[in-house]
Amino acid sequence: MKSVKEYYDEIGWTKQKGKYVDSLSFTTDKGAKYKLACNERLREMIGSPELLLDVACGASPFNSKAKKQLCIDFSITAINEAKKNRPDGFFVLGDITSLPLKDNCVTDTVSMHTIYHVDKDRQATAIAEIKRVTKNKCFVVYNAGKHAKLVNILTLPLQLWNWSEKRINPNSKRKIYFYAHSYKWLEQFGEIKTYRFLNENGIKLYSKLLWLVSKIEMRLPKHSYHPLLVIDKNK
């Protein structure tokens, strides 16, 4: 995780042309309405807890309806930027694999696009830590990577183009550590739902069909590129 921390401290949460480098490197401007709808759906699922923990909040904490929001990140750059973007939040510098919090001290927890950047052998530890400090529900947005076979088949043309681009210019895309466990591995911790079916390549290729994707994607949790792990400690 050292390389991930260095990336976000030194590069990811700095700005170019008014945008964070992380966003410029890994996301597209296309499908903004679709992405917003996915976020809003998660926002409604979380509801209005008394205290929401946002683990690995990054520079832009999750826009929740929580009465209070506690934001944790291991990047000091992220924390400093997050304070500007969520001035009503509470902020702590901390590691997702060893959270500096007591058991059951927050009502609910959300973790966006983070666990798969943790070393593959420590991802279960990170999930266990999130569960330990949470009283009710944990919402973890994951990346299925190669296991999202349907999405990968649908986006094969653009994947081939990206591959050829990297051969010509190896520095064309920034890389940080990433490891995706299978849906079966993820399911051992809780229920799998859909956060977002398509990845960025899919959004680019099928931008005119996003209205259709949004209607059917909740039926395809174990095919979603970004599955949502929901852990309910009251069950």
Protein backbone atom coordinates (compact mmCIF):
# COMPACT_ATOMS: atom_id res chain seq x y z
CA MET A 1 0.00 0.00 0.00
CA LYS A 2 3.04 2.25 0.23
CA SER A 3 2.97 2.94 -3.52
CA VAL A 4 -0.76 3.74 -3.35
CA LYS A 5 -0.19 6.17 -0.49
CA GLU A 6 2.67 7.86 -2.31
CA TYR A 7 0.56 8.22 -5.45
CA TYR A 8 -2.30 9.92 -3.61
CA ASP A 9 -0.08 12.07 -1.41
CA GLU A 10 2.07 13.32 -4.26
CA ILE A 11 -0.06 13.02 -7.43
CA GLY A 12 -3.63 11.73 -7.17
CA TRP A 13 -5.13 14.53 -5.08
CA THR A 14 -3.29 17.38 -6.77
CA LYS A 15 -5.13 19.35 -9.42
CA GLN A 16 -4.65 19.93 -13.13
CA LYS A 17 -6.99 22.21 -15.06
CA GLY A 18 -9.25 22.44 -12.02
CA LYS A 19 -9.68 18.65 -11.63
CA TYR A 20 -8.00 16.07 -9.45
CA VAL A 21 -5.39 14.00 -11.30
CA ASP A 22 -7.05 10.83 -9.98
CA SER A 23 -10.26 11.73 -11.82
CA LEU A 24 -8.41 12.70 -14.98
CA SER A 25 -6.48 9.40 -14.92
CA PHE A 26 -9.24 6.91 -14.19
CA THR A 27 -12.60 8.40 -15.15
CA THR A 28 -14.33 9.89 -18.17
CA ASP A 29 -16.62 12.90 -18.41
CA LYS A 30 -19.16 10.78 -20.29
CA GLY A 31 -22.15 9.29 -18.50
CA ALA A 32 -22.23 11.92 -15.76
CA LYS A 33 -26.00 11.54 -15.33
CA TYR A 34 -25.70 7.75 -15.11
CA LYS A 35 -22.91 7.93 -12.52
CA LEU A 36 -24.86 10.46 -10.50
CA ALA A 37 -27.87 8.13 -10.51
CA CYS A 38 -25.70 5.26 -9.20
CA ASN A 39 -24.40 7.49 -6.41
CA GLU A 40 -27.90 8.70 -5.58
CA ARG A 41 -29.15 5.09 -5.38
CA LEU A 42 -26.39 4.29 -2.87
CA ARG A 43 -27.16 7.50 -1.00
CA GLU A 44 -30.77 6.42 -0.61
CA MET A 45 -29.73 2.93 0.52
CA ILE A 46 -27.55 4.42 3.26
CA GLY A 47 -30.27 6.83 4.36
CA SER A 48 -29.66 9.27 7.23
CA PRO A 49 -27.58 7.54 9.90
CA GLU A 50 -26.59 9.38 13.06
CA LEU A 51 -22.88 8.97 12.25
CA LEU A 52 -21.57 7.73 8.91
CA LEU A 53 -17.95 6.64 8.56
CA ASP A 54 -16.48 7.36 5.12
CA VAL A 55 -13.39 5.13 4.89
CA ALA A 56 -10.71 6.25 2.43
CA CYS A 57 -12.76 9.34 1.72
CA GLY A 58 -10.25 10.81 -0.71
CA ALA A 59 -10.43 14.47 -1.62
CA SER A 60 -14.19 14.34 -2.24
CA PRO A 61 -16.05 12.63 0.63
CA PHE A 62 -19.27 10.77 -0.14
CA ASN A 63 -22.25 13.12 -0.39
CA SER A 64 -24.41 11.45 2.24
CA LYS A 65 -27.53 12.50 4.12
CA ALA A 66 -25.96 11.49 7.44
CA LYS A 67 -26.44 13.79 10.42
CA LYS A 68 -22.68 13.59 11.02
CA GLN A 69 -19.93 12.23 8.78
CA LEU A 70 -16.53 11.00 9.94
CA CYS A 71 -13.97 10.86 7.12
CA ILE A 72 -10.80 8.77 7.29
CA ASP A 73 -7.96 8.54 4.77
CA PHE A 74 -4.28 7.59 4.97
CA SER A 75 -3.27 10.43 2.65
CA ILE A 76 -2.70 13.78 4.34
CA THR A 77 -3.23 15.46 0.98
CA ALA A 78 -6.66 13.80 0.73
CA ILE A 79 -7.59 14.95 4.25
CA ASN A 80 -6.58 18.54 3.53
CA GLU A 81 -8.59 18.60 0.30
CA ALA A 82 -11.56 16.81 1.87
CA LYS A 83 -11.81 19.50 4.57
CA LYS A 84 -12.33 22.06 1.81
CA ASN A 85 -14.95 19.96 0.02
CA ARG A 86 -16.84 18.81 3.14
CA PRO A 87 -16.36 21.60 5.73
CA ASP A 88 -19.03 20.14 8.05
CA GLY A 89 -17.26 16.77 8.34
CA PHE A 90 -14.91 15.32 10.94
CA PHE A 91 -11.52 14.13 9.72
CA VAL A 92 -8.98 11.54 10.88
CA LEU A 93 -5.74 10.33 9.33
CA GLY A 94 -5.82 6.54 9.41
CA ASP A 95 -5.24 3.21 7.66
CA ILE A 96 -8.21 1.08 6.49
CA THR A 97 -6.47 -2.09 7.71
CA SER A 98 -6.09 -0.70 11.24
CA LEU A 99 -8.77 1.89 11.92
CA PRO A 100 -8.09 4.13 14.97
CA LEU A 101 -11.66 3.67 16.24
CA LYS A 102 -13.46 1.67 18.93
CA ASP A 103 -15.79 -1.25 18.19
CA ASN A 104 -19.31 -0.32 17.02
CA CYS A 105 -18.61 3.40 17.37
CA VAL A 106 -20.21 4.54 14.09
CA THR A 107 -23.76 3.92 12.91
CA ASP A 108 -22.99 2.92 9.29
CA THR A 109 -19.94 2.86 7.03
CA VAL A 110 -19.30 3.49 3.35
CA SER A 111 -16.08 2.67 1.48
CA MET A 112 -15.82 3.74 -2.16
CA HIS A 113 -13.34 2.23 -4.63
CA THR A 114 -10.73 1.37 -2.03
CA ILE A 115 -10.55 -2.27 -0.89
CA TYR A 116 -9.18 -3.49 -4.23
CA HIS A 117 -6.19 -1.16 -3.83
CA VAL A 118 -5.27 -2.96 -0.59
CA ASP A 119 -2.82 -5.87 -0.84
CA LYS A 120 -4.79 -8.99 -1.82
CA ASP A 121 -3.84 -10.79 1.40
CA ARG A 122 -4.99 -7.86 3.57
CA GLN A 123 -8.32 -7.07 1.91
CA ALA A 124 -10.18 -9.38 4.30
CA THR A 125 -8.51 -7.53 7.18
CA ALA A 126 -9.73 -4.21 5.80
CA ILE A 127 -13.29 -5.52 5.54
CA ALA A 128 -13.07 -6.93 9.06
CA GLU A 129 -11.92 -3.54 10.36
CA ILE A 130 -14.82 -1.77 8.65
CA LYS A 131 -17.24 -4.28 10.16
CA ARG A 132 -15.66 -4.04 13.62
CA VAL A 133 -16.18 -0.30 14.02
CA THR A 134 -19.71 -0.29 12.54
CA LYS A 135 -22.90 -0.81 14.53
CA ASN A 136 -25.38 -1.44 11.71
CA LYS A 137 -24.51 -1.61 8.00
CA CYS A 138 -21.37 -1.41 5.86
CA PHE A 139 -21.51 -0.45 2.18
CA VAL A 140 -18.39 -1.37 0.20
CA VAL A 141 -18.02 -0.48 -3.49
CA TYR A 142 -15.67 -3.01 -5.10
CA ASN A 143 -14.11 -3.56 -8.54
CA ALA A 144 -14.63 -7.02 -10.03
CA GLY A 145 -11.96 -6.55 -12.70
CA LYS A 146 -11.40 -9.72 -14.75
CA HIS A 147 -14.27 -11.47 -12.95
CA ALA A 148 -16.81 -9.16 -14.60
CA LYS A 149 -16.73 -11.30 -17.73
CA LEU A 150 -19.90 -9.93 -19.32
CA VAL A 151 -18.74 -6.32 -19.08
CA ASN A 152 -15.27 -7.27 -20.31
CA ILE A 153 -16.73 -8.97 -23.37
CA LEU A 154 -18.97 -5.99 -24.08
CA THR A 155 -16.02 -3.59 -23.84
CA LEU A 156 -13.44 -5.73 -25.65
CA PRO A 157 -12.99 -3.29 -28.61
CA LEU A 158 -12.01 -0.43 -26.32
CA GLN A 159 -9.84 -2.68 -24.16
CA LEU A 160 -7.88 -3.69 -27.26
CA TRP A 161 -7.48 -0.04 -28.20
CA ASN A 162 -6.24 0.84 -24.72
CA TRP A 163 -3.81 -2.07 -24.86
CA SER A 164 -2.39 -0.91 -28.19
CA GLU A 165 -2.10 2.65 -26.85
CA LYS A 166 -0.08 1.41 -23.87
CA ARG A 167 2.29 -0.46 -26.21
CA ILE A 168 2.98 2.78 -28.06
CA ASN A 169 3.12 4.92 -24.93
CA PRO A 170 3.54 2.89 -21.70
CA ASN A 171 2.98 6.05 -19.64
CA SER A 172 -0.36 6.87 -21.28
CA LYS A 173 -2.29 5.50 -18.29
CA ARG A 174 -1.29 5.85 -14.66
CA LYS A 175 -1.09 2.64 -12.64
CA ILE A 176 -1.46 1.95 -8.95
CA TYR A 177 -1.79 -1.39 -7.14
CA PHE A 178 -5.03 -3.23 -7.90
CA TYR A 179 -6.26 -6.75 -7.15
CA ALA A 180 -9.80 -8.02 -7.66
CA HIS A 181 -11.03 -11.07 -5.78
CA SER A 182 -13.97 -13.04 -7.18
CA TYR A 183 -17.66 -12.44 -6.48
CA LYS A 184 -17.65 -15.70 -4.46
CA TRP A 185 -14.82 -14.38 -2.27
CA LEU A 186 -16.69 -11.13 -1.73
CA GLU A 187 -19.96 -12.91 -0.93
CA GLN A 188 -18.49 -14.58 2.16
CA PHE A 189 -18.70 -11.23 3.95
CA GLY A 190 -22.26 -10.23 3.08
CA GLU A 191 -24.80 -9.62 0.33
CA ILE A 192 -23.71 -8.55 -3.16
CA LYS A 193 -25.75 -5.87 -4.91
CA THR A 194 -25.03 -3.54 -7.81
CA TYR A 195 -23.38 -0.17 -7.40
CA ARG A 196 -22.63 0.29 -11.10
CA PHE A 197 -22.80 -2.33 -13.86
CA LEU A 198 -20.49 -0.65 -16.39
CA ASN A 199 -16.88 0.46 -16.07
CA GLU A 200 -15.47 3.57 -17.74
CA ASN A 201 -14.91 1.73 -21.04
CA GLY A 202 -18.51 0.57 -21.04
CA ILE A 203 -19.77 4.06 -20.35
CA LYS A 204 -17.79 5.37 -23.31
CA LEU A 205 -18.99 2.64 -25.68
CA TYR A 206 -22.62 2.52 -24.62
CA SER A 207 -23.25 6.13 -23.63
CA LYS A 208 -26.48 6.20 -25.64
CA LEU A 209 -27.81 3.09 -23.91
CA LEU A 210 -27.19 4.08 -20.31
CA TRP A 211 -30.92 4.62 -19.78
CA LEU A 212 -31.43 0.92 -20.49
CA VAL A 213 -28.48 -0.18 -18.35
CA SER A 214 -29.85 1.77 -15.40
CA LYS A 215 -33.14 -0.16 -15.65
CA ILE A 216 -31.63 -3.65 -15.59
CA GLU A 217 -28.33 -3.39 -13.71
CA MET A 218 -29.79 -4.09 -10.25
CA ARG A 219 -30.70 -7.56 -11.54
CA LEU A 220 -27.06 -8.29 -12.39
CA PRO A 221 -25.10 -7.91 -9.14
CA LYS A 222 -22.68 -10.78 -9.89
CA HIS A 223 -21.99 -9.41 -13.36
CA SER A 224 -21.47 -5.80 -12.31
CA TYR A 225 -18.04 -4.30 -12.81
CA HIS A 226 -18.56 -2.39 -9.57
CA PRO A 227 -20.49 -4.67 -7.20
CA LEU A 228 -21.69 -3.36 -3.86
CA LEU A 229 -21.00 -5.44 -0.77
CA VAL A 230 -23.59 -4.84 1.95
CA ILE A 231 -22.80 -6.16 5.42
CA ASP A 232 -25.72 -6.02 7.86
CA LYS A 233 -24.51 -6.68 11.41
CA ASN A 234 -28.08 -6.98 12.67
CA LYS A 235 -28.74 -10.15 10.65
